[in-house]
Amino acid sequence: MHDQFDVTLEDDDLLGEVELTTTLIIAASESDDHLSQAEIDELLGVTPSAPPAPPAPA
């Protein structure tokens, strides 16, 4: 009989997403308060993007 829960993760992208999600879950469970956006970005390795350039004069 086939076990539907016997799944091997061979997809590197999927495995990366699972690791990031796990990191967030652990950090949230260890925090006494909500995680700030800056804390979430740091955990996910997100770097702030440059602000958009102002429009060129006409």
PDB file of N, CA and C in Angstrom:
ATOM      1  N   MET A   1       0.842  -1.180   0.000  1.00  0.00           N
ATOM      2  CA  MET A   1       0.000   0.000   0.000  1.00  0.00           C
ATOM      3  C   MET A   1       0.887   1.243   0.000  1.00  0.00           C
ATOM      4  N   HIS A   2       0.522   2.247  -0.803  1.00  0.00           N
ATOM      5  CA  HIS A   2       1.284   3.487  -0.926  1.00  0.00           C
ATOM      6  C   HIS A   2       1.010   4.408   0.258  1.00  0.00           C
ATOM      7  N   ASP A   3       2.073   4.916   0.875  1.00  0.00           N
ATOM      8  CA  ASP A   3       1.932   5.852   2.001  1.00  0.00           C
ATOM      9  C   ASP A   3       1.996   7.271   1.454  1.00  0.00           C
ATOM     10  N   GLN A   4       0.873   7.999   1.520  1.00  0.00           N
ATOM     11  CA  GLN A   4       0.819   9.352   0.962  1.00  0.00           C
ATOM     12  C   GLN A   4       1.728  10.328   1.685  1.00  0.00           C
ATOM     13  N   PHE A   5       2.181   9.990   2.889  1.00  0.00           N
ATOM     14  CA  PHE A   5       3.049  10.883   3.648  1.00  0.00           C
ATOM     15  C   PHE A   5       4.531  10.549   3.471  1.00  0.00           C
ATOM     16  N   ASP A   6       4.839   9.522   2.708  1.00  0.00           N
ATOM     17  CA  ASP A   6       6.221   9.154   2.429  1.00  0.00           C
ATOM     18  C   ASP A   6       6.650   9.886   1.161  1.00  0.00           C
ATOM     19  N   VAL A   7       7.080  11.152   1.348  1.00  0.00           N
ATOM     20  CA  VAL A   7       7.431  12.003   0.215  1.00  0.00           C
ATOM     21  C   VAL A   7       8.871  12.466   0.375  1.00  0.00           C
ATOM     22  N   THR A   8       9.625  12.354  -0.675  1.00  0.00           N
ATOM     23  CA  THR A   8      11.003  12.819  -0.670  1.00  0.00           C
ATOM     24  C   THR A   8      11.060  14.190  -1.326  1.00  0.00           C
ATOM     25  N   LEU A   9      11.667  15.164  -0.632  1.00  0.00           N
ATOM     26  CA  LEU A   9      11.839  16.498  -1.215  1.00  0.00           C
ATOM     27  C   LEU A   9      13.100  16.504  -2.060  1.00  0.00           C
ATOM     28  N   GLU A  10      12.929  16.626  -3.356  1.00  0.00           N
ATOM     29  CA  GLU A  10      14.064  16.679  -4.258  1.00  0.00           C
ATOM     30  C   GLU A  10      14.139  18.004  -4.978  1.00  0.00           C
ATOM     31  N   ASP A  11      13.202  18.877  -4.712  1.00  0.00           N
ATOM     32  CA  ASP A  11      13.129  20.172  -5.371  1.00  0.00           C
ATOM     33  C   ASP A  11      13.863  21.195  -4.492  1.00  0.00           C
ATOM     34  N   ASP A  12      14.992  21.702  -4.967  1.00  0.00           N
ATOM     35  CA  ASP A  12      15.801  22.625  -4.166  1.00  0.00           C
ATOM     36  C   ASP A  12      15.050  23.901  -3.822  1.00  0.00           C
ATOM     37  N   ASP A  13      14.257  24.411  -4.755  1.00  0.00           N
ATOM     38  CA  ASP A  13      13.473  25.625  -4.480  1.00  0.00           C
ATOM     39  C   ASP A  13      12.443  25.369  -3.384  1.00  0.00           C
ATOM     40  N   LEU A  14      11.756  24.250  -3.472  1.00  0.00           N
ATOM     41  CA  LEU A  14      10.756  23.903  -2.465  1.00  0.00           C
ATOM     42  C   LEU A  14      11.410  23.716  -1.106  1.00  0.00           C
ATOM     43  N   LEU A  15      12.538  23.040  -1.079  1.00  0.00           N
ATOM     44  CA  LEU A  15      13.247  22.830   0.174  1.00  0.00           C
ATOM     45  C   LEU A  15      13.665  24.162   0.789  1.00  0.00           C
ATOM     46  N   GLY A  16      14.098  25.094  -0.036  1.00  0.00           N
ATOM     47  CA  GLY A  16      14.458  26.425   0.446  1.00  0.00           C
ATOM     48  C   GLY A  16      13.270  27.143   1.047  1.00  0.00           C
ATOM     49  N   GLU A  17      12.111  27.025   0.400  1.00  0.00           N
ATOM     50  CA  GLU A  17      10.898  27.655   0.922  1.00  0.00           C
ATOM     51  C   GLU A  17      10.490  27.037   2.262  1.00  0.00           C
ATOM     52  N   VAL A  18      10.619  25.729   2.375  1.00  0.00           N
ATOM     53  CA  VAL A  18      10.288  25.048   3.626  1.00  0.00           C
ATOM     54  C   VAL A  18      11.225  25.513   4.738  1.00  0.00           C
ATOM     55  N   GLU A  19      12.500  25.668   4.436  1.00  0.00           N
ATOM     56  CA  GLU A  19      13.459  26.136   5.439  1.00  0.00           C
ATOM     57  C   GLU A  19      13.144  27.562   5.889  1.00  0.00           C
ATOM     58  N   LEU A  20      12.791  28.445   4.940  1.00  0.00           N
ATOM     59  CA  LEU A  20      12.440  29.822   5.300  1.00  0.00           C
ATOM     60  C   LEU A  20      11.182  29.858   6.154  1.00  0.00           C
ATOM     61  N   THR A  21      10.189  29.060   5.778  1.00  0.00           N
ATOM     62  CA  THR A  21       8.946  29.010   6.548  1.00  0.00           C
ATOM     63  C   THR A  21       9.209  28.493   7.953  1.00  0.00           C
ATOM     64  N   THR A  22      10.025  27.468   8.057  1.00  0.00           N
ATOM     65  CA  THR A  22      10.372  26.912   9.366  1.00  0.00           C
ATOM     66  C   THR A  22      11.095  27.943  10.217  1.00  0.00           C
ATOM     67  N   THR A  23      11.997  28.690   9.617  1.00  0.00           N
ATOM     68  CA  THR A  23      12.717  29.744  10.331  1.00  0.00           C
ATOM     69  C   THR A  23      11.745  30.777  10.883  1.00  0.00           C
ATOM     70  N   LEU A  24      10.767  31.185  10.074  1.00  0.00           N
ATOM     71  CA  LEU A  24       9.774  32.163  10.528  1.00  0.00           C
ATOM     72  C   LEU A  24       8.913  31.606  11.661  1.00  0.00           C
ATOM     73  N   ILE A  25       8.494  30.356  11.532  1.00  0.00           N
ATOM     74  CA  ILE A  25       7.657  29.742  12.563  1.00  0.00           C
ATOM     75  C   ILE A  25       8.403  29.675  13.886  1.00  0.00           C
ATOM     76  N   ILE A  26       9.657  29.271  13.845  1.00  0.00           N
ATOM     77  CA  ILE A  26      10.449  29.168  15.078  1.00  0.00           C
ATOM     78  C   ILE A  26      10.650  30.546  15.700  1.00  0.00           C
ATOM     79  N   ALA A  27      11.003  31.533  14.884  1.00  0.00           N
ATOM     80  CA  ALA A  27      11.222  32.890  15.411  1.00  0.00           C
ATOM     81  C   ALA A  27       9.938  33.449  16.009  1.00  0.00           C
ATOM     82  N   ALA A  28       8.817  33.229  15.350  1.00  0.00           N
ATOM     83  CA  ALA A  28       7.539  33.737  15.861  1.00  0.00           C
ATOM     84  C   ALA A  28       7.160  33.045  17.159  1.00  0.00           C
ATOM     85  N   SER A  29       7.433  31.765  17.256  1.00  0.00           N
ATOM     86  CA  SER A  29       7.061  31.042  18.475  1.00  0.00           C
ATOM     87  C   SER A  29       7.952  31.419  19.656  1.00  0.00           C
ATOM     88  N   GLU A  30       9.160  31.880  19.378  1.00  0.00           N
ATOM     89  CA  GLU A  30      10.079  32.272  20.447  1.00  0.00           C
ATOM     90  C   GLU A  30       9.937  33.737  20.840  1.00  0.00           C
ATOM     91  N   SER A  31       9.172  34.501  20.065  1.00  0.00           N
ATOM     92  CA  SER A  31       9.017  35.933  20.316  1.00  0.00           C
ATOM     93  C   SER A  31       7.836  36.185  21.246  1.00  0.00           C
ATOM     94  N   ASP A  32       8.003  37.168  22.135  1.00  0.00           N
ATOM     95  CA  ASP A  32       6.917  37.545  23.037  1.00  0.00           C
ATOM     96  C   ASP A  32       5.909  38.475  22.361  1.00  0.00           C
ATOM     97  N   ASP A  33       6.294  39.058  21.232  1.00  0.00           N
ATOM     98  CA  ASP A  33       5.437  40.013  20.526  1.00  0.00           C
ATOM     99  C   ASP A  33       5.453  39.667  19.041  1.00  0.00           C
ATOM    100  N   HIS A  34       4.703  40.414  18.269  1.00  0.00           N
ATOM    101  CA  HIS A  34       4.724  40.217  16.820  1.00  0.00           C
ATOM    102  C   HIS A  34       6.102  40.550  16.274  1.00  0.00           C
ATOM    103  N   LEU A  35       6.516  39.840  15.240  1.00  0.00           N
ATOM    104  CA  LEU A  35       7.770  40.173  14.576  1.00  0.00           C
ATOM    105  C   LEU A  35       7.549  41.419  13.722  1.00  0.00           C
ATOM    106  N   SER A  36       8.506  42.323  13.770  1.00  0.00           N
ATOM    107  CA  SER A  36       8.413  43.518  12.934  1.00  0.00           C
ATOM    108  C   SER A  36       8.764  43.142  11.492  1.00  0.00           C
ATOM    109  N   GLN A  37       8.391  44.010  10.573  1.00  0.00           N
ATOM    110  CA  GLN A  37       8.727  43.760   9.170  1.00  0.00           C
ATOM    111  C   GLN A  37      10.239  43.679   8.996  1.00  0.00           C
ATOM    112  N   ALA A  38      10.983  44.515   9.735  1.00  0.00           N
ATOM    113  CA  ALA A  38      12.452  44.491   9.644  1.00  0.00           C
ATOM    114  C   ALA A  38      12.999  43.147  10.141  1.00  0.00           C
ATOM    115  N   GLU A  39      12.420  42.605  11.217  1.00  0.00           N
ATOM    116  CA  GLU A  39      12.868  41.307  11.724  1.00  0.00           C
ATOM    117  C   GLU A  39      12.566  40.194  10.726  1.00  0.00           C
ATOM    118  N   ILE A  40      11.392  40.239  10.127  1.00  0.00           N
ATOM    119  CA  ILE A  40      11.023  39.234   9.126  1.00  0.00           C
ATOM    120  C   ILE A  40      11.963  39.319   7.927  1.00  0.00           C
ATOM    121  N   ASP A  41      12.208  40.551   7.458  1.00  0.00           N
ATOM    122  CA  ASP A  41      13.122  40.736   6.329  1.00  0.00           C
ATOM    123  C   ASP A  41      14.500  40.181   6.642  1.00  0.00           C
ATOM    124  N   GLU A  42      14.981  40.436   7.866  1.00  0.00           N
ATOM    125  CA  GLU A  42      16.304  39.940   8.254  1.00  0.00           C
ATOM    126  C   GLU A  42      16.326  38.411   8.260  1.00  0.00           C
ATOM    127  N   LEU A  43      15.289  37.786   8.806  1.00  0.00           N
ATOM    128  CA  LEU A  43      15.223  36.324   8.843  1.00  0.00           C
ATOM    129  C   LEU A  43      15.192  35.721   7.443  1.00  0.00           C
ATOM    130  N   LEU A  44      14.518  36.411   6.525  1.00  0.00           N
ATOM    131  CA  LEU A  44      14.397  35.906   5.162  1.00  0.00           C
ATOM    132  C   LEU A  44      15.566  36.313   4.268  1.00  0.00           C
ATOM    133  N   GLY A  45      16.444  37.175   4.781  1.00  0.00           N
ATOM    134  CA  GLY A  45      17.586  37.613   3.996  1.00  0.00           C
ATOM    135  C   GLY A  45      17.223  38.633   2.940  1.00  0.00           C
ATOM    136  N   VAL A  46      16.132  39.373   3.199  1.00  0.00           N
ATOM    137  CA  VAL A  46      15.686  40.384   2.247  1.00  0.00           C
ATOM    138  C   VAL A  46      16.476  41.662   2.470  1.00  0.00           C
ATOM    139  N   THR A  47      16.947  42.237   1.392  1.00  0.00           N
ATOM    140  CA  THR A  47      17.641  43.527   1.501  1.00  0.00           C
ATOM    141  C   THR A  47      16.717  44.604   0.970  1.00  0.00           C
ATOM    142  N   PRO A  48      16.708  45.738   1.637  1.00  0.00           N
ATOM    143  CA  PRO A  48      15.817  46.813   1.175  1.00  0.00           C
ATOM    144  C   PRO A  48      16.188  47.271  -0.228  1.00  0.00           C
ATOM    145  N   SER A  49      15.178  47.540  -1.011  1.00  0.00           N
ATOM    146  CA  SER A  49      15.445  48.035  -2.361  1.00  0.00           C
ATOM    147  C   SER A  49      15.623  49.557  -2.305  1.00  0.00           C
ATOM    148  N   ALA A  50      16.256  50.066  -3.311  1.00  0.00           N
ATOM    149  CA  ALA A  50      16.472  51.527  -3.380  1.00  0.00           C
ATOM    150  C   ALA A  50      15.122  52.193  -3.623  1.00  0.00           C
ATOM    151  N   PRO A  51      14.933  53.368  -3.049  1.00  0.00           N
ATOM    152  CA  PRO A  51      13.664  54.075  -3.306  1.00  0.00           C
ATOM    153  C   PRO A  51      13.547  54.417  -4.783  1.00  0.00           C
ATOM    154  N   PRO A  52      12.328  54.496  -5.292  1.00  0.00           N
ATOM    155  CA  PRO A  52      12.180  54.804  -6.725  1.00  0.00           C
ATOM    156  C   PRO A  52      12.722  56.203  -7.041  1.00  0.00           C
ATOM    157  N   ALA A  53      13.313  56.299  -8.188  1.00  0.00           N
ATOM    158  CA  ALA A  53      13.861  57.593  -8.623  1.00  0.00           C
ATOM    159  C   ALA A  53      12.730  58.562  -8.919  1.00  0.00           C
ATOM    160  N   PRO A  54      12.927  59.833  -8.602  1.00  0.00           N
ATOM    161  CA  PRO A  54      11.878  60.813  -8.915  1.00  0.00           C
ATOM    162  C   PRO A  54      11.727  60.940 -10.433  1.00  0.00           C
ATOM    163  N   PRO A  55      10.541  61.295 -10.883  1.00  0.00           N
ATOM    164  CA  PRO A  55      10.351  61.430 -12.332  1.00  0.00           C
ATOM    165  C   PRO A  55      11.233  62.546 -12.904  1.00  0.00           C
ATOM    166  N   ALA A  56      11.673  62.335 -14.107  1.00  0.00           N
ATOM    167  CA  ALA A  56      12.513  63.336 -14.783  1.00  0.00           C
ATOM    168  C   ALA A  56      11.668  64.556 -15.130  1.00  0.00           C
ATOM    169  N   PRO A  57      12.276  65.740 -15.036  1.00  0.00           N
ATOM    170  CA  PRO A  57      11.506  66.940 -15.410  1.00  0.00           C
ATOM    171  C   PRO A  57      11.094  66.895 -16.876  1.00  0.00           C
ATOM    172  N   ALA A  58       9.945  67.451 -17.143  1.00  0.00           N
ATOM    173  CA  ALA A  58       9.420  67.410 -18.514  1.00  0.00           C
ATOM    174  C   ALA A  58      10.008  68.504 -19.369  1.00  0.00           C
TER     175      ALA A  58
END
